[in-house]
């Protein structure tokens, strides 16, 4: 397939819209990560997404809209959805709702529900307005690999597999959207943490529970209700091992384990001097925003150093946006976590 690598001019966005209307695939930027888009109402177009990514067919896609008022055309919104939309849309939030028949099962992985999102990135919004279609889109990476936060990441993974790649610059947040499922009049489940935090959700909804898949691996026979819940995801070729425990104990443990040339370290900026190269900085230990922006870049940089076989990573704090950073990091590790204790 011939791929057009483009910027994000009005002419290029209109060309991308034509490709989507014709059943093609377009990579486009959002405020979270780059997405791989197709017409969400076209079963065969959506199927191309799975083929291009090598994505399991039971891993649902998210439907992107230009405005939350369009949701009723494709699903059954509730008053709680309206409150969430008023506060957080456009923005990095996906809400799972019962779908209408116009959304093909290919888009939802066979589920009777659909994820609805209204991105805030100006290029994404311009593309949605231009094509006048709902766009089904997961992240624009090969399945299991780190999500792309720059157009060059998508080019590396998908050039020759898609029709067009729009370049809108680096993504602001750097992690995929928060996903919630509405379960009652004033209750919801957090399925995937992201740019909208648990505490922010609690300001809108009285009862917010956190799904076990945020912390632990789903079983083979368990159905994923949202993207990225079930399968190994975000992972470089090297084995990632997350180390949790008191800070000084973690530093000592990783220094001991990462002493050979085949090991890398993902740490906070304040700890870089403790380790020999290769070291990949997540940013400041006190800034979960920096950690979110840098995580996928770190994981992709690891893949560029082919000699690295193992990577030891500090466990982030789990407050605020840190919960989303932790979730992506432990998924990249396949939930392989080493727990260390302070020496007495």
C-alpha atoms as a PDB file:
ATOM      1  CA  UNK A   1       0.000   0.000   0.000  1.00  0.00           C
ATOM      2  CA  UNK A   2       1.260   3.501  -0.827  1.00  0.00           C
ATOM      3  CA  UNK A   3       1.283   5.757   2.238  1.00  0.00           C
ATOM      4  CA  UNK A   4       1.077   9.552   2.013  1.00  0.00           C
ATOM      5  CA  UNK A   5       3.112  11.236   4.760  1.00  0.00           C
ATOM      6  CA  UNK A   6       1.594  14.672   5.288  1.00  0.00           C
ATOM      7  CA  UNK A   7       1.442  17.649   7.632  1.00  0.00           C
ATOM      8  CA  UNK A   8      -1.835  19.015   8.934  1.00  0.00           C
ATOM      9  CA  UNK A   9      -2.743  21.784   6.483  1.00  0.00           C
ATOM     10  CA  UNK A  10      -6.363  22.327   5.533  1.00  0.00           C
ATOM     11  CA  UNK A  11      -5.709  20.781   2.104  1.00  0.00           C
ATOM     12  CA  UNK A  12      -4.132  17.682   3.655  1.00  0.00           C
ATOM     13  CA  UNK A  13      -6.958  17.300   6.174  1.00  0.00           C
ATOM     14  CA  UNK A  14      -9.531  17.465   3.360  1.00  0.00           C
ATOM     15  CA  UNK A  15      -7.555  14.808   1.470  1.00  0.00           C
ATOM     16  CA  UNK A  16      -7.556  12.627   4.592  1.00  0.00           C
ATOM     17  CA  UNK A  17     -11.313  13.090   4.922  1.00  0.00           C
ATOM     18  CA  UNK A  18     -11.796  11.881   1.346  1.00  0.00           C
ATOM     19  CA  UNK A  19      -9.713   8.780   2.142  1.00  0.00           C
ATOM     20  CA  UNK A  20     -11.868   7.996   5.183  1.00  0.00           C
ATOM     21  CA  UNK A  21     -15.095   8.406   3.202  1.00  0.00           C
ATOM     22  CA  UNK A  22     -13.695   6.005   0.588  1.00  0.00           C
ATOM     23  CA  UNK A  23     -13.044   3.320   3.225  1.00  0.00           C
ATOM     24  CA  UNK A  24      -9.329   3.990   3.741  1.00  0.00           C
ATOM     25  CA  UNK A  25      -7.079   4.314   6.793  1.00  0.00           C
ATOM     26  CA  UNK A  26      -5.696   7.605   8.154  1.00  0.00           C
ATOM     27  CA  UNK A  27      -3.319   8.171  11.068  1.00  0.00           C
ATOM     28  CA  UNK A  28      -4.105  11.417  12.895  1.00  0.00           C
ATOM     29  CA  UNK A  29      -2.941  13.188  16.065  1.00  0.00           C
ATOM     30  CA  UNK A  30      -4.975  13.566  19.242  1.00  0.00           C
ATOM     31  CA  UNK A  31      -4.133  15.172  22.557  1.00  0.00           C
ATOM     32  CA  UNK A  32      -3.435  11.692  23.991  1.00  0.00           C
ATOM     33  CA  UNK A  33      -1.608   9.622  21.312  1.00  0.00           C
ATOM     34  CA  UNK A  34      -1.809   9.240  17.518  1.00  0.00           C
ATOM     35  CA  UNK A  35      -4.834   7.267  16.329  1.00  0.00           C
ATOM     36  CA  UNK A  36      -5.373   4.941  13.358  1.00  0.00           C
ATOM     37  CA  UNK A  37      -8.747   5.929  11.954  1.00  0.00           C
ATOM     38  CA  UNK A  38     -11.402   4.439   9.682  1.00  0.00           C
ATOM     39  CA  UNK A  39     -15.097   5.057   9.035  1.00  0.00           C
ATOM     40  CA  UNK A  40     -16.819   3.696  12.156  1.00  0.00           C
ATOM     41  CA  UNK A  41     -19.967   2.882  10.162  1.00  0.00           C
ATOM     42  CA  UNK A  42     -18.125   0.747   7.594  1.00  0.00           C
ATOM     43  CA  UNK A  43     -17.528  -2.854   8.686  1.00  0.00           C
ATOM     44  CA  UNK A  44     -14.868  -3.541   6.065  1.00  0.00           C
ATOM     45  CA  UNK A  45     -13.018  -0.287   6.773  1.00  0.00           C
ATOM     46  CA  UNK A  46     -12.890  -1.086  10.489  1.00  0.00           C
ATOM     47  CA  UNK A  47     -11.587  -4.572   9.689  1.00  0.00           C
ATOM     48  CA  UNK A  48      -8.629  -2.940   7.909  1.00  0.00           C
ATOM     49  CA  UNK A  49      -7.560  -1.401  11.231  1.00  0.00           C
ATOM     50  CA  UNK A  50      -7.148  -4.836  12.816  1.00  0.00           C
ATOM     51  CA  UNK A  51      -5.216  -6.097   9.798  1.00  0.00           C
ATOM     52  CA  UNK A  52      -2.886  -3.078   9.695  1.00  0.00           C
ATOM     53  CA  UNK A  53      -2.055  -3.319  13.404  1.00  0.00           C
ATOM     54  CA  UNK A  54      -2.103  -7.094  13.769  1.00  0.00           C
ATOM     55  CA  UNK A  55      -4.704  -6.475  16.485  1.00  0.00           C
ATOM     56  CA  UNK A  56      -6.843  -9.238  18.062  1.00  0.00           C
ATOM     57  CA  UNK A  57     -10.411  -9.002  16.759  1.00  0.00           C
ATOM     58  CA  UNK A  58     -11.932  -9.028  20.262  1.00  0.00           C
ATOM     59  CA  UNK A  59     -10.059  -5.857  21.273  1.00  0.00           C
ATOM     60  CA  UNK A  60     -12.661  -3.089  20.766  1.00  0.00           C
ATOM     61  CA  UNK A  61     -12.053   0.247  19.046  1.00  0.00           C
ATOM     62  CA  UNK A  62     -13.062   3.726  20.226  1.00  0.00           C
ATOM     63  CA  UNK A  63     -15.454   5.859  18.179  1.00  0.00           C
ATOM     64  CA  UNK A  64     -14.358   9.499  17.867  1.00  0.00           C
ATOM     65  CA  UNK A  65     -16.937  12.254  17.337  1.00  0.00           C
ATOM     66  CA  UNK A  66     -16.731  15.952  16.535  1.00  0.00           C
ATOM     67  CA  UNK A  67     -19.187  16.885  19.282  1.00  0.00           C
ATOM     68  CA  UNK A  68     -20.771  15.019  22.239  1.00  0.00           C
ATOM     69  CA  UNK A  69     -24.226  15.954  20.934  1.00  0.00           C
ATOM     70  CA  UNK A  70     -23.649  13.385  18.135  1.00  0.00           C
ATOM     71  CA  UNK A  71     -23.433  10.492  20.615  1.00  0.00           C
ATOM     72  CA  UNK A  72     -27.169   9.786  20.476  1.00  0.00           C
ATOM     73  CA  UNK A  73     -26.810   8.875  16.784  1.00  0.00           C
ATOM     74  CA  UNK A  74     -24.571   5.933  17.649  1.00  0.00           C
ATOM     75  CA  UNK A  75     -25.357   4.883  21.228  1.00  0.00           C
ATOM     76  CA  UNK A  76     -27.771   5.429  24.127  1.00  0.00           C
ATOM     77  CA  UNK A  77     -26.453   8.288  26.319  1.00  0.00           C
ATOM     78  CA  UNK A  78     -27.569   8.781  29.923  1.00  0.00           C
ATOM     79  CA  UNK A  79     -27.781  11.866  32.151  1.00  0.00           C
ATOM     80  CA  UNK A  80     -24.448  10.855  33.690  1.00  0.00           C
ATOM     81  CA  UNK A  81     -22.879  10.826  30.209  1.00  0.00           C
ATOM     82  CA  UNK A  82     -24.223  14.344  29.686  1.00  0.00           C
ATOM     83  CA  UNK A  83     -22.584  15.513  32.930  1.00  0.00           C
ATOM     84  CA  UNK A  84     -19.276  13.911  31.959  1.00  0.00           C
ATOM     85  CA  UNK A  85     -19.476  15.411  28.477  1.00  0.00           C
ATOM     86  CA  UNK A  86     -20.203  18.887  29.815  1.00  0.00           C
ATOM     87  CA  UNK A  87     -17.143  18.736  32.081  1.00  0.00           C
ATOM     88  CA  UNK A  88     -14.594  16.730  30.084  1.00  0.00           C
ATOM     89  CA  UNK A  89     -15.473  16.830  26.360  1.00  0.00           C
ATOM     90  CA  UNK A  90     -13.692  17.649  24.173  1.00  0.00           C
ATOM     91  CA  UNK A  91     -10.888  15.948  26.062  1.00  0.00           C
ATOM     92  CA  UNK A  92      -9.133  12.698  26.978  1.00  0.00           C
ATOM     93  CA  UNK A  93     -12.206  10.746  28.131  1.00  0.00           C
ATOM     94  CA  UNK A  94     -13.910   7.717  26.560  1.00  0.00           C
ATOM     95  CA  UNK A  95     -17.322   6.612  27.851  1.00  0.00           C
ATOM     96  CA  UNK A  96     -18.646   3.077  27.268  1.00  0.00           C
ATOM     97  CA  UNK A  97     -22.385   2.991  26.455  1.00  0.00           C
ATOM     98  CA  UNK A  98     -24.860   0.555  24.804  1.00  0.00           C
ATOM     99  CA  UNK A  99     -24.390   0.827  21.043  1.00  0.00           C
ATOM    100  CA  UNK A 100     -26.943   1.312  18.292  1.00  0.00           C
ATOM    101  CA  UNK A 101     -27.184  -1.094  15.357  1.00  0.00           C
ATOM    102  CA  UNK A 102     -25.399   1.325  12.992  1.00  0.00           C
ATOM    103  CA  UNK A 103     -22.080   0.595  14.742  1.00  0.00           C
ATOM    104  CA  UNK A 104     -20.739  -2.708  13.327  1.00  0.00           C
ATOM    105  CA  UNK A 105     -19.671  -5.512  15.654  1.00  0.00           C
ATOM    106  CA  UNK A 106     -16.216  -5.273  14.065  1.00  0.00           C
ATOM    107  CA  UNK A 107     -15.769  -1.897  15.754  1.00  0.00           C
ATOM    108  CA  UNK A 108     -16.824  -3.134  19.198  1.00  0.00           C
ATOM    109  CA  UNK A 109     -15.055  -6.496  19.214  1.00  0.00           C
ATOM    110  CA  UNK A 110     -18.442  -8.217  19.296  1.00  0.00           C
ATOM    111  CA  UNK A 111     -19.621  -6.296  22.366  1.00  0.00           C
ATOM    112  CA  UNK A 112     -23.048  -4.669  22.674  1.00  0.00           C
ATOM    113  CA  UNK A 113     -21.366  -1.481  23.894  1.00  0.00           C
ATOM    114  CA  UNK A 114     -19.246   1.193  22.235  1.00  0.00           C
ATOM    115  CA  UNK A 115     -16.641   3.640  23.501  1.00  0.00           C
ATOM    116  CA  UNK A 116     -17.424   7.277  22.665  1.00  0.00           C
ATOM    117  CA  UNK A 117     -14.760  10.006  22.692  1.00  0.00           C
ATOM    118  CA  UNK A 118     -14.540  13.632  21.541  1.00  0.00           C
ATOM    119  CA  UNK A 119     -10.858  14.574  21.073  1.00  0.00           C
ATOM    120  CA  UNK A 120      -9.648  18.108  21.725  1.00  0.00           C
ATOM    121  CA  UNK A 121      -6.641  18.177  19.361  1.00  0.00           C
ATOM    122  CA  UNK A 122      -7.351  20.770  16.636  1.00  0.00           C
ATOM    123  CA  UNK A 123      -6.225  18.465  13.796  1.00  0.00           C
ATOM    124  CA  UNK A 124      -8.447  15.629  15.018  1.00  0.00           C
ATOM    125  CA  UNK A 125     -11.391  17.990  15.349  1.00  0.00           C
ATOM    126  CA  UNK A 126     -10.812  19.456  11.877  1.00  0.00           C
ATOM    127  CA  UNK A 127     -10.652  15.951  10.389  1.00  0.00           C
ATOM    128  CA  UNK A 128     -13.896  14.899  12.096  1.00  0.00           C
ATOM    129  CA  UNK A 129     -15.672  18.006  10.834  1.00  0.00           C
ATOM    130  CA  UNK A 130     -14.290  17.537   7.322  1.00  0.00           C
ATOM    131  CA  UNK A 131     -15.225  13.876   6.889  1.00  0.00           C
ATOM    132  CA  UNK A 132     -18.593  14.206   8.669  1.00  0.00           C
ATOM    133  CA  UNK A 133     -18.276  10.640   9.920  1.00  0.00           C
ATOM    134  CA  UNK A 134     -17.618   8.989  13.256  1.00  0.00           C
ATOM    135  CA  UNK A 135     -14.018   7.720  13.202  1.00  0.00           C
ATOM    136  CA  UNK A 136     -13.160   4.372  14.793  1.00  0.00           C
ATOM    137  CA  UNK A 137      -9.565   4.524  16.011  1.00  0.00           C
ATOM    138  CA  UNK A 138      -7.178   2.701  18.315  1.00  0.00           C
ATOM    139  CA  UNK A 139      -3.611   3.919  18.814  1.00  0.00           C
ATOM    140  CA  UNK A 140      -1.551   4.028  15.595  1.00  0.00           C
ATOM    141  CA  UNK A 141       1.057   1.396  16.474  1.00  0.00           C
ATOM    142  CA  UNK A 142       1.664  -2.246  15.713  1.00  0.00           C
ATOM    143  CA  UNK A 143      -0.202  -4.409  18.218  1.00  0.00           C
ATOM    144  CA  UNK A 144       1.593  -4.794  21.593  1.00  0.00           C
ATOM    145  CA  UNK A 145       4.098  -2.012  20.798  1.00  0.00           C
ATOM    146  CA  UNK A 146       4.265   1.351  22.620  1.00  0.00           C
ATOM    147  CA  UNK A 147       1.653   3.843  21.489  1.00  0.00           C
ATOM    148  CA  UNK A 148       2.882   6.670  19.221  1.00  0.00           C
ATOM    149  CA  UNK A 149       3.179  10.164  20.650  1.00  0.00           C
ATOM    150  CA  UNK A 150       4.835  11.578  17.500  1.00  0.00           C
ATOM    151  CA  UNK A 151       4.055  11.101  13.808  1.00  0.00           C
ATOM    152  CA  UNK A 152       7.488   9.531  13.286  1.00  0.00           C
ATOM    153  CA  UNK A 153       6.489   6.679  15.623  1.00  0.00           C
ATOM    154  CA  UNK A 154       3.447   5.909  13.461  1.00  0.00           C
ATOM    155  CA  UNK A 155       5.567   6.149  10.303  1.00  0.00           C
ATOM    156  CA  UNK A 156       7.988   3.600  11.768  1.00  0.00           C
ATOM    157  CA  UNK A 157       5.197   1.143  12.601  1.00  0.00           C
ATOM    158  CA  UNK A 158       2.585   1.632   9.891  1.00  0.00           C
ATOM    159  CA  UNK A 159       4.154   3.129   6.761  1.00  0.00           C
ATOM    160  CA  UNK A 160       2.978   0.979   3.861  1.00  0.00           C
ATOM    161  CA  UNK A 161       0.039  -0.342   5.913  1.00  0.00           C
ATOM    162  CA  UNK A 162      -2.156   2.807   5.859  1.00  0.00           C
ATOM    163  CA  UNK A 163      -3.210   5.367   3.265  1.00  0.00           C
ATOM    164  CA  UNK A 164      -2.148   8.594   4.980  1.00  0.00           C
ATOM    165  CA  UNK A 165      -0.339   9.846   8.083  1.00  0.00           C
ATOM    166  CA  UNK A 166      -1.117  13.379   9.310  1.00  0.00           C
ATOM    167  CA  UNK A 167       1.601  15.051  11.390  1.00  0.00           C
ATOM    168  CA  UNK A 168       0.243  17.351  14.071  1.00  0.00           C
ATOM    169  CA  UNK A 169       3.340  17.458  16.265  1.00  0.00           C
ATOM    170  CA  UNK A 170       3.959  15.769  19.641  1.00  0.00           C
ATOM    171  CA  UNK A 171       0.894  14.729  21.652  1.00  0.00           C
ATOM    172  CA  UNK A 172       0.292  16.819  24.748  1.00  0.00           C
ATOM    173  CA  UNK A 173      -0.710  14.163  27.277  1.00  0.00           C
ATOM    174  CA  UNK A 174       1.207  11.151  25.971  1.00  0.00           C
ATOM    175  CA  UNK A 175      -1.061   8.382  27.313  1.00  0.00           C
ATOM    176  CA  UNK A 176      -4.342   7.085  25.892  1.00  0.00           C
ATOM    177  CA  UNK A 177      -7.685   8.415  27.107  1.00  0.00           C
ATOM    178  CA  UNK A 178      -9.339   7.538  30.382  1.00  0.00           C
ATOM    179  CA  UNK A 179     -12.076   4.943  29.796  1.00  0.00           C
ATOM    180  CA  UNK A 180     -15.152   4.617  32.010  1.00  0.00           C
ATOM    181  CA  UNK A 181     -18.254   2.453  31.784  1.00  0.00           C
ATOM    182  CA  UNK A 182     -21.505   3.884  33.113  1.00  0.00           C
ATOM    183  CA  UNK A 183     -23.142   1.304  35.382  1.00  0.00           C
ATOM    184  CA  UNK A 184     -26.006   3.265  36.989  1.00  0.00           C
ATOM    185  CA  UNK A 185     -27.598   6.672  37.489  1.00  0.00           C
ATOM    186  CA  UNK A 186     -24.656   7.835  39.594  1.00  0.00           C
ATOM    187  CA  UNK A 187     -22.103   5.048  39.267  1.00  0.00           C
ATOM    188  CA  UNK A 188     -19.337   4.083  36.860  1.00  0.00           C
ATOM    189  CA  UNK A 189     -16.318   1.812  36.558  1.00  0.00           C
ATOM    190  CA  UNK A 190     -12.871   3.106  35.650  1.00  0.00           C
ATOM    191  CA  UNK A 191     -11.615   0.624  33.053  1.00  0.00           C
ATOM    192  CA  UNK A 192      -8.452   2.453  31.980  1.00  0.00           C
ATOM    193  CA  UNK A 193      -6.863   5.454  33.735  1.00  0.00           C
ATOM    194  CA  UNK A 194      -5.647   8.360  31.634  1.00  0.00           C
ATOM    195  CA  UNK A 195      -5.607  12.142  31.406  1.00  0.00           C
ATOM    196  CA  UNK A 196      -8.866  12.462  33.362  1.00  0.00           C
ATOM    197  CA  UNK A 197      -7.999  11.219  36.842  1.00  0.00           C
ATOM    198  CA  UNK A 198      -9.959   9.156  39.347  1.00  0.00           C
ATOM    199  CA  UNK A 199     -10.324  12.203  41.613  1.00  0.00           C
ATOM    200  CA  UNK A 200     -11.733  14.290  38.758  1.00  0.00           C
ATOM    201  CA  UNK A 201     -14.287  11.587  37.974  1.00  0.00           C
ATOM    202  CA  UNK A 202     -15.335  11.495  41.635  1.00  0.00           C
ATOM    203  CA  UNK A 203     -16.218  15.191  41.387  1.00  0.00           C
ATOM    204  CA  UNK A 204     -18.911  14.292  38.835  1.00  0.00           C
ATOM    205  CA  UNK A 205     -20.040  10.850  40.012  1.00  0.00           C
ATOM    206  CA  UNK A 206     -20.679   9.603  43.565  1.00  0.00           C
ATOM    207  CA  UNK A 207     -19.683   5.972  43.000  1.00  0.00           C
ATOM    208  CA  UNK A 208     -16.530   5.347  40.942  1.00  0.00           C
ATOM    209  CA  UNK A 209     -15.007   1.863  41.186  1.00  0.00           C
ATOM    210  CA  UNK A 210     -11.684   0.827  39.665  1.00  0.00           C
ATOM    211  CA  UNK A 211     -11.726  -2.319  37.520  1.00  0.00           C
ATOM    212  CA  UNK A 212      -9.287  -5.044  38.572  1.00  0.00           C
ATOM    213  CA  UNK A 213      -7.713  -4.954  35.086  1.00  0.00           C
ATOM    214  CA  UNK A 214      -6.113  -1.604  35.989  1.00  0.00           C
ATOM    215  CA  UNK A 215      -3.838  -3.489  38.404  1.00  0.00           C
ATOM    216  CA  UNK A 216      -3.918  -7.153  37.350  1.00  0.00           C
ATOM    217  CA  UNK A 217      -3.938  -9.249  34.192  1.00  0.00           C
ATOM    218  CA  UNK A 218      -7.257 -10.528  32.818  1.00  0.00           C
ATOM    219  CA  UNK A 219      -7.643 -14.277  32.346  1.00  0.00           C
ATOM    220  CA  UNK A 220      -7.742 -15.869  28.900  1.00  0.00           C
ATOM    221  CA  UNK A 221     -11.497 -16.470  29.149  1.00  0.00           C
ATOM    222  CA  UNK A 222     -12.344 -12.984  30.443  1.00  0.00           C
ATOM    223  CA  UNK A 223     -13.823 -10.500  27.971  1.00  0.00           C
ATOM    224  CA  UNK A 224     -12.149  -7.114  27.586  1.00  0.00           C
ATOM    225  CA  UNK A 225     -14.691  -4.293  27.912  1.00  0.00           C
ATOM    226  CA  UNK A 226     -12.285  -1.641  26.623  1.00  0.00           C
ATOM    227  CA  UNK A 227      -9.111  -1.376  24.528  1.00  0.00           C
ATOM    228  CA  UNK A 228      -5.863  -2.494  26.126  1.00  0.00           C
ATOM    229  CA  UNK A 229      -7.441  -4.356  29.058  1.00  0.00           C
ATOM    230  CA  UNK A 230      -6.584  -7.930  28.127  1.00  0.00           C
ATOM    231  CA  UNK A 231      -3.514  -8.257  25.941  1.00  0.00           C
ATOM    232  CA  UNK A 232       0.150  -7.411  26.547  1.00  0.00           C
ATOM    233  CA  UNK A 233       0.451  -3.844  25.411  1.00  0.00           C
ATOM    234  CA  UNK A 234       2.854  -0.913  25.185  1.00  0.00           C
ATOM    235  CA  UNK A 235       5.838  -3.291  25.300  1.00  0.00           C
ATOM    236  CA  UNK A 236       9.307  -2.968  23.763  1.00  0.00           C
ATOM    237  CA  UNK A 237      11.114  -6.103  22.575  1.00  0.00           C
ATOM    238  CA  UNK A 238      13.140  -6.216  25.816  1.00  0.00           C
ATOM    239  CA  UNK A 239      11.583  -7.652  28.968  1.00  0.00           C
ATOM    240  CA  UNK A 240      10.471  -4.887  31.313  1.00  0.00           C
ATOM    241  CA  UNK A 241      10.584  -5.567  35.062  1.00  0.00           C
ATOM    242  CA  UNK A 242       8.909  -3.064  37.383  1.00  0.00           C
ATOM    243  CA  UNK A 243      10.467  -2.702  40.839  1.00  0.00           C
ATOM    244  CA  UNK A 244       8.290  -1.539  43.737  1.00  0.00           C
ATOM    245  CA  UNK A 245       9.270  -0.654  47.280  1.00  0.00           C
ATOM    246  CA  UNK A 246      10.965   2.045  49.384  1.00  0.00           C
ATOM    247  CA  UNK A 247      12.957   4.385  47.162  1.00  0.00           C
ATOM    248  CA  UNK A 248      16.443   3.655  48.479  1.00  0.00           C
ATOM    249  CA  UNK A 249      15.785  -0.080  48.420  1.00  0.00           C
ATOM    250  CA  UNK A 250      14.635   0.147  44.795  1.00  0.00           C
ATOM    251  CA  UNK A 251      17.790   2.076  43.843  1.00  0.00           C
ATOM    252  CA  UNK A 252      20.028  -0.548  45.461  1.00  0.00           C
ATOM    253  CA  UNK A 253      18.109  -3.451  43.904  1.00  0.00           C
ATOM    254  CA  UNK A 254      18.207  -2.007  40.379  1.00  0.00           C
ATOM    255  CA  UNK A 255      21.916  -1.073  40.675  1.00  0.00           C
ATOM    256  CA  UNK A 256      22.667  -4.671  41.563  1.00  0.00           C
ATOM    257  CA  UNK A 257      20.495  -6.198  38.843  1.00  0.00           C
ATOM    258  CA  UNK A 258      21.342  -3.818  35.985  1.00  0.00           C
ATOM    259  CA  UNK A 259      25.135  -4.032  36.098  1.00  0.00           C
ATOM    260  CA  UNK A 260      25.644  -5.925  32.804  1.00  0.00           C
ATOM    261  CA  UNK A 261      25.627  -4.510  29.282  1.00  0.00           C
ATOM    262  CA  UNK A 262      22.335  -6.135  28.327  1.00  0.00           C
ATOM    263  CA  UNK A 263      20.279  -4.231  30.933  1.00  0.00           C
ATOM    264  CA  UNK A 264      18.653  -0.824  30.805  1.00  0.00           C
ATOM    265  CA  UNK A 265      17.017   1.309  33.485  1.00  0.00           C
ATOM    266  CA  UNK A 266      13.880   3.466  33.423  1.00  0.00           C
ATOM    267  CA  UNK A 267      14.126   5.884  36.333  1.00  0.00           C
ATOM    268  CA  UNK A 268      13.261   9.374  37.466  1.00  0.00           C
ATOM    269  CA  UNK A 269      15.472  12.324  36.513  1.00  0.00           C
ATOM    270  CA  UNK A 270      16.692  12.683  40.110  1.00  0.00           C
ATOM    271  CA  UNK A 271      18.079   9.117  40.071  1.00  0.00           C
ATOM    272  CA  UNK A 272      19.851   9.063  36.682  1.00  0.00           C
ATOM    273  CA  UNK A 273      23.298   9.588  38.215  1.00  0.00           C
ATOM    274  CA  UNK A 274      22.923   6.393  40.241  1.00  0.00           C
ATOM    275  CA  UNK A 275      23.091   4.152  37.174  1.00  0.00           C
ATOM    276  CA  UNK A 276      25.349   3.381  34.240  1.00  0.00           C
ATOM    277  CA  UNK A 277      24.044   3.785  30.705  1.00  0.00           C
ATOM    278  CA  UNK A 278      21.696   2.924  29.113  1.00  0.00           C
ATOM    279  CA  UNK A 279      19.362   4.970  31.314  1.00  0.00           C
ATOM    280  CA  UNK A 280      15.980   6.350  30.235  1.00  0.00           C
ATOM    281  CA  UNK A 281      14.469   9.213  32.232  1.00  0.00           C
ATOM    282  CA  UNK A 282      10.757   9.443  32.968  1.00  0.00           C
ATOM    283  CA  UNK A 283      11.205  13.009  34.125  1.00  0.00           C
ATOM    284  CA  UNK A 284      10.917  14.324  37.640  1.00  0.00           C
ATOM    285  CA  UNK A 285       9.694  12.010  40.384  1.00  0.00           C
ATOM    286  CA  UNK A 286       7.315  14.809  41.440  1.00  0.00           C
ATOM    287  CA  UNK A 287       5.757  15.372  37.974  1.00  0.00           C
ATOM    288  CA  UNK A 288       3.332  12.704  36.802  1.00  0.00           C
ATOM    289  CA  UNK A 289       2.615  14.930  33.783  1.00  0.00           C
ATOM    290  CA  UNK A 290       6.244  14.601  32.644  1.00  0.00           C
ATOM    291  CA  UNK A 291       6.151  10.869  33.304  1.00  0.00           C
ATOM    292  CA  UNK A 292       3.036  10.476  31.148  1.00  0.00           C
ATOM    293  CA  UNK A 293       4.573  12.471  28.301  1.00  0.00           C
ATOM    294  CA  UNK A 294       7.852  10.546  28.358  1.00  0.00           C
ATOM    295  CA  UNK A 295       6.861   6.932  29.075  1.00  0.00           C
ATOM    296  CA  UNK A 296       6.137   5.758  25.527  1.00  0.00           C
ATOM    297  CA  UNK A 297       9.160   7.672  24.196  1.00  0.00           C
ATOM    298  CA  UNK A 298      11.302   5.773  26.710  1.00  0.00           C
ATOM    299  CA  UNK A 299       9.858   2.421  25.673  1.00  0.00           C
ATOM    300  CA  UNK A 300      10.434   3.198  21.983  1.00  0.00           C
ATOM    301  CA  UNK A 301      13.985   4.398  22.657  1.00  0.00           C
ATOM    302  CA  UNK A 302      14.699   1.037  24.306  1.00  0.00           C
ATOM    303  CA  UNK A 303      13.724  -0.744  21.088  1.00  0.00           C
ATOM    304  CA  UNK A 304      16.296   1.315  19.193  1.00  0.00           C
ATOM    305  CA  UNK A 305      19.087  -0.233  21.295  1.00  0.00           C
ATOM    306  CA  UNK A 306      18.916  -3.821  20.099  1.00  0.00           C
ATOM    307  CA  UNK A 307      21.440  -5.134  22.618  1.00  0.00           C
ATOM    308  CA  UNK A 308      19.119  -4.415  25.569  1.00  0.00           C
ATOM    309  CA  UNK A 309      17.436  -7.619  26.777  1.00  0.00           C
ATOM    310  CA  UNK A 310      16.042  -6.525  30.163  1.00  0.00           C
ATOM    311  CA  UNK A 311      14.883  -3.202  31.558  1.00  0.00           C
ATOM    312  CA  UNK A 312      14.351  -2.455  35.247  1.00  0.00           C
ATOM    313  CA  UNK A 313      11.845   0.329  35.899  1.00  0.00           C
ATOM    314  CA  UNK A 314      10.885   2.312  38.986  1.00  0.00           C
ATOM    315  CA  UNK A 315       7.246   1.955  40.032  1.00  0.00           C
ATOM    316  CA  UNK A 316       5.530   5.384  39.727  1.00  0.00           C
ATOM    317  CA  UNK A 317       3.296   6.852  42.393  1.00  0.00           C
ATOM    318  CA  UNK A 318      -0.349   5.930  41.788  1.00  0.00           C
ATOM    319  CA  UNK A 319      -2.000   9.221  42.695  1.00  0.00           C
ATOM    320  CA  UNK A 320      -3.487  11.495  40.041  1.00  0.00           C
ATOM    321  CA  UNK A 321      -2.084  10.885  36.570  1.00  0.00           C
ATOM    322  CA  UNK A 322       0.442   8.506  38.147  1.00  0.00           C
ATOM    323  CA  UNK A 323      -2.199   5.759  38.163  1.00  0.00           C
ATOM    324  CA  UNK A 324      -2.254   5.871  34.352  1.00  0.00           C
ATOM    325  CA  UNK A 325       1.555   5.835  34.144  1.00  0.00           C
ATOM    326  CA  UNK A 326       1.660   2.839  36.484  1.00  0.00           C
ATOM    327  CA  UNK A 327      -1.020   1.033  34.479  1.00  0.00           C
ATOM    328  CA  UNK A 328       0.852   1.401  31.162  1.00  0.00           C
ATOM    329  CA  UNK A 329       4.201   0.488  32.700  1.00  0.00           C
ATOM    330  CA  UNK A 330       3.011  -2.706  34.384  1.00  0.00           C
ATOM    331  CA  UNK A 331       1.225  -3.716  31.160  1.00  0.00           C
ATOM    332  CA  UNK A 332       4.469  -3.160  29.259  1.00  0.00           C
ATOM    333  CA  UNK A 333       6.065  -5.507  31.801  1.00  0.00           C
ATOM    334  CA  UNK A 334       3.351  -8.128  31.374  1.00  0.00           C
ATOM    335  CA  UNK A 335       2.570  -7.506  35.089  1.00  0.00           C
ATOM    336  CA  UNK A 336       6.060  -8.686  36.101  1.00  0.00           C
ATOM    337  CA  UNK A 337       6.693  -6.751  39.326  1.00  0.00           C
ATOM    338  CA  UNK A 338       9.514  -7.262  41.827  1.00  0.00           C
ATOM    339  CA  UNK A 339       8.672  -6.164  45.370  1.00  0.00           C
ATOM    340  CA  UNK A 340      11.660  -5.140  47.501  1.00  0.00           C
ATOM    341  CA  UNK A 341      11.832  -4.177  51.177  1.00  0.00           C
ATOM    342  CA  UNK A 342      14.019  -1.778  53.101  1.00  0.00           C
ATOM    343  CA  UNK A 343      16.865  -3.576  54.851  1.00  0.00           C
ATOM    344  CA  UNK A 344      16.542  -3.538  58.640  1.00  0.00           C
END
